[in-house]
Amino acid sequence: MEVHFTPDIEAKLHALATETGRAVDEFVQDALAGSLEELAQVRSMLDSWHNFLFNSFDPDGLVKSVTGGKSAQRGRVNLELPLLADNGNSVPMKVSVESPMTEADHVKTIRLLSERNPERAMAVFHLGPRAGVAEVSSRVRLAGTQRVVALAEMSDGSLYMGTADVVVTLSACLDGAG
């Protein structure tokens, strides 16, 4: 493999090689090997963190707590949130539900549920066949990194859900007032 460096980097490498008494190629190879090892450790730490934050959450339990024990099927609901939200006070979101939106088959409500907010039911949107399309866009407040659930109730009473994970760097909703 051939690697090209900018003249500044190459000059620094030659200076370091001279100081240490090692060949430039050997110096670069050792530095790269150390960086790759650190990168693997960071990756392992981030994987553990992600598993702790997101895999311990049970969206079915949250849905049942809102629906009086009724389960929701996965699918038909698409929840879009940014992967990273710098500020939990105003996080853009979009929910869309696959539905013909006819009188006989339409979305009645879309609920947004939070795993970590003081008020778990963040929003309820009421729709009907005259809405034409089952889609809602808004902004929500999030109390930290979490998985958010979008729950759609259909005109026949069936429930569908979709989830999205979001990492929040500055949390909102911390005063307990919701």
N, C-alpha and C. Protein backbone atom coordinates (compact mmCIF):
# COMPACT_ATOMS: atom_id res chain seq x y z
N MET A 1 0.85 -1.16 0.00
CA MET A 1 0.00 0.00 0.00
C MET A 1 0.91 1.24 0.00
N GLU A 2 0.49 2.20 -0.75
CA GLU A 2 1.26 3.43 -0.83
C GLU A 2 0.46 4.54 -0.17
N VAL A 3 1.11 5.28 0.71
CA VAL A 3 0.46 6.36 1.44
C VAL A 3 1.18 7.66 1.11
N HIS A 4 0.38 8.70 0.85
CA HIS A 4 0.96 10.02 0.55
C HIS A 4 0.56 10.99 1.65
N PHE A 5 1.51 11.76 2.11
CA PHE A 5 1.27 12.75 3.15
C PHE A 5 1.49 14.15 2.57
N THR A 6 0.88 15.13 3.21
CA THR A 6 1.14 16.51 2.83
C THR A 6 2.59 16.83 3.22
N PRO A 7 3.18 17.82 2.61
CA PRO A 7 4.57 18.16 2.95
C PRO A 7 4.76 18.48 4.44
N ASP A 8 3.80 19.13 5.07
CA ASP A 8 3.91 19.44 6.51
C ASP A 8 3.97 18.17 7.34
N ILE A 9 3.07 17.23 7.07
CA ILE A 9 3.03 15.98 7.82
C ILE A 9 4.31 15.19 7.58
N GLU A 10 4.74 15.15 6.33
CA GLU A 10 5.95 14.40 6.00
C GLU A 10 7.16 14.98 6.74
N ALA A 11 7.25 16.30 6.83
CA ALA A 11 8.36 16.93 7.56
C ALA A 11 8.30 16.57 9.05
N LYS A 12 7.10 16.57 9.63
CA LYS A 12 6.95 16.20 11.04
C LYS A 12 7.35 14.74 11.27
N LEU A 13 6.97 13.87 10.34
CA LEU A 13 7.33 12.46 10.47
C LEU A 13 8.84 12.26 10.41
N HIS A 14 9.50 12.95 9.49
CA HIS A 14 10.96 12.84 9.39
C HIS A 14 11.63 13.38 10.65
N ALA A 15 11.09 14.46 11.21
CA ALA A 15 11.66 15.02 12.44
C ALA A 15 11.50 14.03 13.60
N LEU A 16 10.32 13.43 13.72
CA LEU A 16 10.09 12.45 14.78
C LEU A 16 10.96 11.21 14.60
N ALA A 17 11.11 10.78 13.36
CA ALA A 17 11.94 9.61 13.08
C ALA A 17 13.39 9.89 13.45
N THR A 18 13.85 11.09 13.15
CA THR A 18 15.22 11.48 13.50
C THR A 18 15.40 11.52 15.01
N GLU A 19 14.42 12.09 15.72
CA GLU A 19 14.49 12.18 17.19
C GLU A 19 14.52 10.79 17.84
N THR A 20 13.74 9.86 17.30
CA THR A 20 13.62 8.54 17.92
C THR A 20 14.64 7.55 17.38
N GLY A 21 15.26 7.90 16.26
CA GLY A 21 16.25 6.98 15.68
C GLY A 21 15.61 5.80 14.96
N ARG A 22 14.37 5.95 14.58
CA ARG A 22 13.67 4.85 13.88
C ARG A 22 13.40 5.26 12.43
N ALA A 23 13.18 4.27 11.59
CA ALA A 23 12.84 4.54 10.20
C ALA A 23 11.43 5.11 10.13
N VAL A 24 11.18 5.99 9.16
CA VAL A 24 9.87 6.62 9.01
C VAL A 24 8.78 5.57 8.82
N ASP A 25 9.03 4.58 7.96
CA ASP A 25 8.02 3.54 7.71
C ASP A 25 7.66 2.79 8.99
N GLU A 26 8.67 2.47 9.79
CA GLU A 26 8.44 1.75 11.04
C GLU A 26 7.65 2.62 12.03
N PHE A 27 8.01 3.88 12.08
CA PHE A 27 7.33 4.83 12.97
C PHE A 27 5.85 4.97 12.58
N VAL A 28 5.58 5.13 11.30
CA VAL A 28 4.20 5.27 10.82
C VAL A 28 3.41 3.99 11.08
N GLN A 29 4.02 2.84 10.83
CA GLN A 29 3.33 1.57 11.04
C GLN A 29 2.97 1.37 12.51
N ASP A 30 3.87 1.68 13.42
CA ASP A 30 3.58 1.56 14.85
C ASP A 30 2.49 2.54 15.29
N ALA A 31 2.56 3.77 14.78
CA ALA A 31 1.56 4.77 15.13
C ALA A 31 0.17 4.36 14.63
N LEU A 32 0.12 3.86 13.41
CA LEU A 32 -1.15 3.42 12.85
C LEU A 32 -1.71 2.22 13.60
N ALA A 33 -0.85 1.27 13.96
CA ALA A 33 -1.29 0.10 14.72
C ALA A 33 -1.87 0.53 16.07
N GLY A 34 -1.22 1.47 16.74
CA GLY A 34 -1.73 1.97 18.02
C GLY A 34 -3.07 2.69 17.85
N SER A 35 -3.20 3.46 16.78
CA SER A 35 -4.46 4.17 16.53
C SER A 35 -5.59 3.19 16.23
N LEU A 36 -5.30 2.15 15.47
CA LEU A 36 -6.33 1.17 15.16
C LEU A 36 -6.78 0.43 16.41
N GLU A 37 -5.85 0.15 17.32
CA GLU A 37 -6.20 -0.52 18.57
C GLU A 37 -7.09 0.39 19.42
N GLU A 38 -6.74 1.67 19.51
CA GLU A 38 -7.57 2.62 20.25
C GLU A 38 -8.96 2.75 19.61
N LEU A 39 -9.00 2.78 18.28
CA LEU A 39 -10.27 2.88 17.58
C LEU A 39 -11.15 1.66 17.88
N ALA A 40 -10.57 0.48 17.94
CA ALA A 40 -11.33 -0.73 18.27
C ALA A 40 -11.87 -0.65 19.69
N GLN A 41 -11.09 -0.11 20.62
CA GLN A 41 -11.55 0.04 22.00
C GLN A 41 -12.70 1.04 22.09
N VAL A 42 -12.59 2.14 21.37
CA VAL A 42 -13.66 3.14 21.36
C VAL A 42 -14.92 2.54 20.76
N ARG A 43 -14.78 1.80 19.67
CA ARG A 43 -15.93 1.16 19.03
C ARG A 43 -16.62 0.20 19.99
N SER A 44 -15.84 -0.57 20.72
CA SER A 44 -16.39 -1.52 21.69
C SER A 44 -17.15 -0.77 22.80
N MET A 45 -16.57 0.34 23.27
CA MET A 45 -17.22 1.13 24.31
C MET A 45 -18.54 1.71 23.80
N LEU A 46 -18.54 2.24 22.56
CA LEU A 46 -19.76 2.81 22.00
C LEU A 46 -20.83 1.74 21.78
N ASP A 47 -20.42 0.55 21.34
CA ASP A 47 -21.38 -0.55 21.18
C ASP A 47 -22.02 -0.91 22.52
N SER A 48 -21.22 -0.96 23.57
CA SER A 48 -21.76 -1.26 24.90
C SER A 48 -22.73 -0.19 25.36
N TRP A 49 -22.36 1.06 25.13
CA TRP A 49 -23.21 2.19 25.50
C TRP A 49 -24.55 2.14 24.76
N HIS A 50 -24.48 1.88 23.45
CA HIS A 50 -25.71 1.79 22.64
C HIS A 50 -26.60 0.66 23.14
N ASN A 51 -26.01 -0.50 23.42
CA ASN A 51 -26.80 -1.63 23.94
C ASN A 51 -27.45 -1.29 25.26
N PHE A 52 -26.72 -0.62 26.15
CA PHE A 52 -27.27 -0.23 27.45
C PHE A 52 -28.44 0.73 27.27
N LEU A 53 -28.28 1.72 26.39
CA LEU A 53 -29.32 2.74 26.23
C LEU A 53 -30.56 2.24 25.50
N PHE A 54 -30.37 1.49 24.43
CA PHE A 54 -31.48 1.17 23.56
C PHE A 54 -32.01 -0.25 23.67
N ASN A 55 -31.18 -1.21 23.98
CA ASN A 55 -31.65 -2.59 23.99
C ASN A 55 -32.31 -2.98 25.30
N SER A 56 -32.17 -2.16 26.34
CA SER A 56 -32.82 -2.48 27.61
C SER A 56 -34.25 -1.94 27.64
N PHE A 57 -34.64 -1.14 26.65
CA PHE A 57 -35.96 -0.52 26.60
C PHE A 57 -36.96 -1.47 25.93
N ASP A 58 -38.13 -1.58 26.53
CA ASP A 58 -39.19 -2.43 26.00
C ASP A 58 -40.32 -1.56 25.45
N PRO A 59 -40.34 -1.30 24.13
CA PRO A 59 -41.40 -0.46 23.58
C PRO A 59 -42.79 -1.08 23.73
N ASP A 60 -42.86 -2.42 23.75
CA ASP A 60 -44.17 -3.07 23.92
C ASP A 60 -44.77 -2.74 25.28
N GLY A 61 -43.95 -2.71 26.31
CA GLY A 61 -44.43 -2.35 27.65
C GLY A 61 -44.95 -0.93 27.70
N LEU A 62 -44.25 -0.01 27.02
CA LEU A 62 -44.69 1.38 26.97
C LEU A 62 -46.03 1.49 26.24
N VAL A 63 -46.17 0.79 25.14
CA VAL A 63 -47.43 0.81 24.38
C VAL A 63 -48.56 0.25 25.23
N LYS A 64 -48.34 -0.86 25.89
CA LYS A 64 -49.39 -1.47 26.72
C LYS A 64 -49.81 -0.57 27.87
N SER A 65 -48.86 0.24 28.39
CA SER A 65 -49.20 1.14 29.49
C SER A 65 -50.13 2.26 29.03
N VAL A 66 -50.12 2.57 27.75
CA VAL A 66 -50.96 3.63 27.20
C VAL A 66 -52.28 3.08 26.66
N THR A 67 -52.28 1.83 26.22
CA THR A 67 -53.46 1.25 25.56
C THR A 67 -54.26 0.33 26.47
N GLY A 68 -53.95 0.31 27.74
CA GLY A 68 -54.67 -0.57 28.65
C GLY A 68 -54.35 -2.03 28.44
N GLY A 69 -53.14 -2.33 28.04
CA GLY A 69 -52.71 -3.72 27.89
C GLY A 69 -52.78 -4.26 26.48
N LYS A 70 -53.29 -3.49 25.54
CA LYS A 70 -53.40 -3.94 24.15
C LYS A 70 -52.05 -3.80 23.45
N SER A 71 -51.67 -4.84 22.69
CA SER A 71 -50.40 -4.84 21.96
C SER A 71 -50.54 -4.16 20.61
N ALA A 72 -49.39 -3.72 20.08
CA ALA A 72 -49.35 -3.12 18.75
C ALA A 72 -48.45 -3.97 17.86
N GLN A 73 -48.82 -4.04 16.60
CA GLN A 73 -47.99 -4.74 15.62
C GLN A 73 -46.91 -3.78 15.12
N ARG A 74 -45.78 -4.34 14.76
CA ARG A 74 -44.73 -3.52 14.16
C ARG A 74 -45.01 -3.41 12.66
N GLY A 75 -44.70 -2.24 12.14
CA GLY A 75 -44.89 -2.03 10.71
C GLY A 75 -45.91 -0.93 10.44
N ARG A 76 -46.00 -0.54 9.19
CA ARG A 76 -46.90 0.50 8.67
C ARG A 76 -46.60 1.89 9.20
N VAL A 77 -45.86 2.01 10.30
CA VAL A 77 -45.56 3.31 10.90
C VAL A 77 -44.07 3.61 10.71
N ASN A 78 -43.79 4.77 10.14
CA ASN A 78 -42.41 5.20 9.95
C ASN A 78 -42.18 6.47 10.77
N LEU A 79 -41.29 6.40 11.74
CA LEU A 79 -40.95 7.54 12.59
C LEU A 79 -39.56 8.02 12.22
N GLU A 80 -39.46 9.29 11.84
CA GLU A 80 -38.17 9.87 11.47
C GLU A 80 -37.75 10.89 12.52
N LEU A 81 -36.59 10.65 13.10
CA LEU A 81 -35.94 11.57 14.04
C LEU A 81 -34.48 11.65 13.63
N PRO A 82 -33.80 12.75 13.94
CA PRO A 82 -32.37 12.76 13.64
C PRO A 82 -31.64 11.75 14.53
N LEU A 83 -30.57 11.19 14.05
CA LEU A 83 -29.78 10.26 14.86
C LEU A 83 -29.15 10.99 16.04
N LEU A 84 -28.78 12.26 15.83
CA LEU A 84 -28.16 13.07 16.86
C LEU A 84 -28.88 14.40 16.94
N ALA A 85 -29.37 14.74 18.13
CA ALA A 85 -30.03 16.03 18.36
C ALA A 85 -29.16 16.84 19.32
N ASP A 86 -28.67 17.97 18.85
CA ASP A 86 -27.81 18.81 19.69
C ASP A 86 -28.56 19.38 20.87
N ASN A 87 -29.85 19.64 20.69
CA ASN A 87 -30.63 20.29 21.73
C ASN A 87 -31.98 19.58 21.87
N GLY A 88 -32.25 19.01 23.02
CA GLY A 88 -33.50 18.28 23.25
C GLY A 88 -34.72 19.16 23.37
N ASN A 89 -34.56 20.49 23.38
CA ASN A 89 -35.70 21.39 23.50
C ASN A 89 -36.52 21.49 22.22
N SER A 90 -35.93 21.16 21.09
CA SER A 90 -36.64 21.28 19.82
C SER A 90 -36.08 20.29 18.81
N VAL A 91 -36.63 19.08 18.81
CA VAL A 91 -36.14 18.01 17.94
C VAL A 91 -37.17 17.77 16.84
N PRO A 92 -36.79 17.92 15.58
CA PRO A 92 -37.75 17.70 14.49
C PRO A 92 -38.10 16.22 14.36
N MET A 93 -39.36 15.96 14.06
CA MET A 93 -39.80 14.57 13.86
C MET A 93 -40.86 14.55 12.77
N LYS A 94 -40.99 13.38 12.16
CA LYS A 94 -42.01 13.16 11.14
C LYS A 94 -42.52 11.74 11.30
N VAL A 95 -43.84 11.58 11.33
CA VAL A 95 -44.46 10.26 11.40
C VAL A 95 -45.33 10.09 10.17
N SER A 96 -45.18 8.96 9.51
CA SER A 96 -46.08 8.63 8.40
C SER A 96 -46.58 7.21 8.59
N VAL A 97 -47.83 6.98 8.22
CA VAL A 97 -48.46 5.67 8.39
C VAL A 97 -49.00 5.23 7.03
N GLU A 98 -48.71 3.99 6.67
CA GLU A 98 -49.25 3.44 5.42
C GLU A 98 -50.74 3.19 5.62
N SER A 99 -51.55 3.95 4.89
CA SER A 99 -53.00 3.82 4.99
C SER A 99 -53.64 4.45 3.76
N PRO A 100 -54.71 3.83 3.24
CA PRO A 100 -55.39 4.43 2.09
C PRO A 100 -56.17 5.69 2.48
N MET A 101 -56.42 5.88 3.77
CA MET A 101 -57.16 7.03 4.30
C MET A 101 -58.53 7.17 3.64
N THR A 102 -59.23 6.04 3.57
CA THR A 102 -60.61 6.03 3.08
C THR A 102 -61.55 5.99 4.28
N GLU A 103 -62.81 6.14 4.05
CA GLU A 103 -63.79 6.09 5.14
C GLU A 103 -63.73 4.74 5.87
N ALA A 104 -63.51 3.68 5.11
CA ALA A 104 -63.49 2.34 5.70
C ALA A 104 -62.15 1.98 6.33
N ASP A 105 -61.07 2.59 5.90
CA ASP A 105 -59.74 2.23 6.37
C ASP A 105 -58.86 3.48 6.47
N HIS A 106 -58.75 3.99 7.69
CA HIS A 106 -57.94 5.20 7.89
C HIS A 106 -57.30 5.21 9.28
N VAL A 107 -56.40 6.13 9.47
CA VAL A 107 -55.73 6.32 10.76
C VAL A 107 -56.58 7.26 11.60
N LYS A 108 -56.90 6.82 12.83
CA LYS A 108 -57.67 7.67 13.75
C LYS A 108 -56.77 8.55 14.59
N THR A 109 -55.74 7.96 15.17
CA THR A 109 -54.82 8.73 16.01
C THR A 109 -53.39 8.27 15.82
N ILE A 110 -52.48 9.20 16.02
CA ILE A 110 -51.05 8.92 16.08
C ILE A 110 -50.58 9.47 17.42
N ARG A 111 -49.97 8.62 18.22
CA ARG A 111 -49.43 9.03 19.52
C ARG A 111 -47.91 8.94 19.48
N LEU A 112 -47.27 9.91 20.09
CA LEU A 112 -45.83 9.88 20.28
C LEU A 112 -45.55 9.57 21.73
N LEU A 113 -44.78 8.52 21.97
CA LEU A 113 -44.49 8.07 23.32
C LEU A 113 -42.99 8.14 23.58
N SER A 114 -42.65 8.61 24.77
CA SER A 114 -41.26 8.79 25.15
C SER A 114 -40.86 7.79 26.22
N GLU A 115 -39.71 7.23 26.06
CA GLU A 115 -39.16 6.31 27.05
C GLU A 115 -38.70 7.05 28.30
N ARG A 116 -38.17 8.27 28.14
CA ARG A 116 -37.50 8.93 29.26
C ARG A 116 -38.09 10.27 29.68
N ASN A 117 -39.01 10.83 28.92
CA ASN A 117 -39.57 12.12 29.32
C ASN A 117 -40.41 11.96 30.58
N PRO A 118 -40.51 13.01 31.41
CA PRO A 118 -41.37 12.93 32.60
C PRO A 118 -42.83 12.63 32.22
N GLU A 119 -43.27 13.17 31.09
CA GLU A 119 -44.61 12.90 30.55
C GLU A 119 -44.41 11.98 29.35
N ARG A 120 -44.72 10.70 29.52
CA ARG A 120 -44.41 9.71 28.47
C ARG A 120 -45.24 9.91 27.20
N ALA A 121 -46.49 10.35 27.34
CA ALA A 121 -47.31 10.63 26.16
C ALA A 121 -47.00 12.05 25.71
N MET A 122 -46.13 12.18 24.72
CA MET A 122 -45.67 13.50 24.28
C MET A 122 -46.71 14.24 23.45
N ALA A 123 -47.43 13.52 22.60
CA ALA A 123 -48.38 14.18 21.71
C ALA A 123 -49.40 13.18 21.19
N VAL A 124 -50.59 13.68 20.89
CA VAL A 124 -51.63 12.87 20.25
C VAL A 124 -52.17 13.68 19.08
N PHE A 125 -52.17 13.08 17.90
CA PHE A 125 -52.68 13.72 16.69
C PHE A 125 -53.91 12.94 16.23
N HIS A 126 -55.02 13.64 16.01
CA HIS A 126 -56.26 13.01 15.55
C HIS A 126 -56.40 13.24 14.05
N LEU A 127 -56.67 12.15 13.33
CA LEU A 127 -56.82 12.23 11.88
C LEU A 127 -58.13 11.57 11.48
N GLY A 128 -58.46 11.70 10.24
CA GLY A 128 -59.63 11.05 9.68
C GLY A 128 -59.43 10.89 8.19
N PRO A 129 -60.41 10.32 7.50
CA PRO A 129 -60.24 10.07 6.07
C PRO A 129 -60.06 11.36 5.26
N ARG A 130 -60.57 12.47 5.75
CA ARG A 130 -60.44 13.73 5.01
C ARG A 130 -59.03 14.31 5.10
N ALA A 131 -58.19 13.75 5.94
CA ALA A 131 -56.80 14.21 6.02
C ALA A 131 -56.05 13.89 4.72
N GLY A 132 -56.50 12.85 4.01
CA GLY A 132 -55.90 12.51 2.73
C GLY A 132 -54.64 11.69 2.84
N VAL A 133 -53.77 12.02 3.77
CA VAL A 133 -52.53 11.29 3.97
C VAL A 133 -52.27 11.24 5.48
N ALA A 134 -51.77 10.11 5.93
CA ALA A 134 -51.49 9.94 7.36
C ALA A 134 -50.04 10.31 7.62
N GLU A 135 -49.81 11.61 7.78
CA GLU A 135 -48.46 12.11 7.99
C GLU A 135 -48.51 13.34 8.88
N VAL A 136 -47.59 13.38 9.85
CA VAL A 136 -47.52 14.50 10.79
C VAL A 136 -46.06 14.90 10.95
N SER A 137 -45.78 16.19 10.91
CA SER A 137 -44.44 16.71 11.18
C SER A 137 -44.55 17.74 12.28
N SER A 138 -43.59 17.73 13.18
CA SER A 138 -43.61 18.67 14.30
C SER A 138 -42.23 18.70 14.93
N ARG A 139 -42.16 19.32 16.10
CA ARG A 139 -40.95 19.32 16.92
C ARG A 139 -41.35 18.86 18.31
N VAL A 140 -40.47 18.11 18.96
CA VAL A 140 -40.76 17.59 20.30
C VAL A 140 -39.59 17.92 21.23
N ARG A 141 -39.89 17.87 22.52
CA ARG A 141 -38.86 18.02 23.55
C ARG A 141 -38.48 16.64 24.05
N LEU A 142 -37.19 16.39 24.21
CA LEU A 142 -36.72 15.08 24.65
C LEU A 142 -35.78 15.23 25.84
N ALA A 143 -36.05 14.43 26.87
CA ALA A 143 -35.23 14.44 28.09
C ALA A 143 -34.10 13.44 27.98
N GLY A 144 -33.24 13.62 27.00
CA GLY A 144 -32.07 12.78 26.87
C GLY A 144 -32.17 11.75 25.77
N THR A 145 -31.09 11.01 25.62
CA THR A 145 -30.97 9.95 24.63
C THR A 145 -32.01 8.88 24.92
N GLN A 146 -32.72 8.45 23.88
CA GLN A 146 -33.80 7.49 24.10
C GLN A 146 -34.32 6.92 22.79
N ARG A 147 -35.23 5.96 22.94
CA ARG A 147 -36.00 5.42 21.82
C ARG A 147 -37.40 6.02 21.93
N VAL A 148 -37.88 6.58 20.83
CA VAL A 148 -39.22 7.17 20.77
C VAL A 148 -40.12 6.22 19.99
N VAL A 149 -41.38 6.12 20.42
CA VAL A 149 -42.34 5.23 19.79
C VAL A 149 -43.46 6.06 19.17
N ALA A 150 -43.81 5.75 17.93
CA ALA A 150 -44.99 6.32 17.29
C ALA A 150 -46.03 5.21 17.21
N LEU A 151 -47.21 5.48 17.74
CA LEU A 151 -48.27 4.48 17.82
C LEU A 151 -49.46 4.97 17.02
N ALA A 152 -49.90 4.18 16.06
CA ALA A 152 -51.04 4.55 15.21
C ALA A 152 -52.21 3.63 15.51
N GLU A 153 -53.38 4.25 15.76
CA GLU A 153 -54.61 3.49 15.92
C GLU A 153 -55.42 3.65 14.64
N MET A 154 -55.80 2.50 14.07
CA MET A 154 -56.53 2.49 12.80
C MET A 154 -58.03 2.52 13.06
N SER A 155 -58.80 2.77 12.02
CA SER A 155 -60.25 2.87 12.16
C SER A 155 -60.89 1.55 12.60
N ASP A 156 -60.22 0.42 12.37
CA ASP A 156 -60.76 -0.87 12.82
C ASP A 156 -60.31 -1.23 14.25
N GLY A 157 -59.59 -0.31 14.90
CA GLY A 157 -59.14 -0.53 16.27
C GLY A 157 -57.76 -1.18 16.38
N SER A 158 -57.18 -1.60 15.26
CA SER A 158 -55.85 -2.22 15.32
C SER A 158 -54.79 -1.15 15.60
N LEU A 159 -53.69 -1.60 16.18
CA LEU A 159 -52.60 -0.70 16.54
C LEU A 159 -51.32 -1.12 15.83
N TYR A 160 -50.59 -0.13 15.35
CA TYR A 160 -49.29 -0.34 14.72
C TYR A 160 -48.29 0.63 15.33
N MET A 161 -47.03 0.20 15.37
CA MET A 161 -46.02 1.09 15.94
C MET A 161 -44.73 1.07 15.15
N GLY A 162 -43.99 2.16 15.30
CA GLY A 162 -42.65 2.28 14.75
C GLY A 162 -41.80 2.97 15.80
N THR A 163 -40.50 2.73 15.78
CA THR A 163 -39.61 3.34 16.76
C THR A 163 -38.43 4.01 16.06
N ALA A 164 -37.81 4.93 16.78
CA ALA A 164 -36.58 5.58 16.30
C ALA A 164 -35.71 5.90 17.50
N ASP A 165 -34.41 5.70 17.34
CA ASP A 165 -33.44 6.03 18.39
C ASP A 165 -32.87 7.41 18.11
N VAL A 166 -32.65 8.17 19.17
CA VAL A 166 -32.05 9.50 19.03
C VAL A 166 -31.10 9.74 20.19
N VAL A 167 -29.93 10.24 19.87
CA VAL A 167 -28.95 10.63 20.88
C VAL A 167 -29.10 12.13 21.08
N VAL A 168 -29.38 12.54 22.32
CA VAL A 168 -29.60 13.95 22.65
C VAL A 168 -28.41 14.44 23.48
N THR A 169 -27.74 15.50 23.01
CA THR A 169 -26.57 15.99 23.74
C THR A 169 -26.95 16.97 24.85
N LEU A 170 -28.00 17.76 24.66
CA LEU A 170 -28.47 18.69 25.69
C LEU A 170 -29.92 18.36 25.99
N SER A 171 -30.19 17.80 27.15
CA SER A 171 -31.52 17.31 27.49
C SER A 171 -32.50 18.44 27.80
N ALA A 172 -33.76 18.17 27.53
CA ALA A 172 -34.85 19.08 27.90
C ALA A 172 -35.72 18.34 28.92
N CYS A 173 -36.81 18.93 29.36
CA CYS A 173 -37.80 18.30 30.25
C CYS A 173 -37.21 17.84 31.57
N LEU A 174 -36.22 18.52 32.08
CA LEU A 174 -35.58 18.05 33.30
C LEU A 174 -36.22 18.55 34.58
N ASP A 175 -37.12 19.51 34.47
CA ASP A 175 -37.70 20.07 35.68
C ASP A 175 -38.89 19.27 36.20
N GLY A 176 -39.28 18.22 35.47
CA GLY A 176 -40.40 17.38 35.91
C GLY A 176 -41.74 17.96 35.53
N ALA A 177 -41.77 19.12 34.90
CA ALA A 177 -43.04 19.73 34.52
C ALA A 177 -43.55 19.20 33.20
N GLY A 178 -42.73 18.39 32.48
CA GLY A 178 -43.15 17.82 31.20
C GLY A 178 -42.95 18.77 30.15
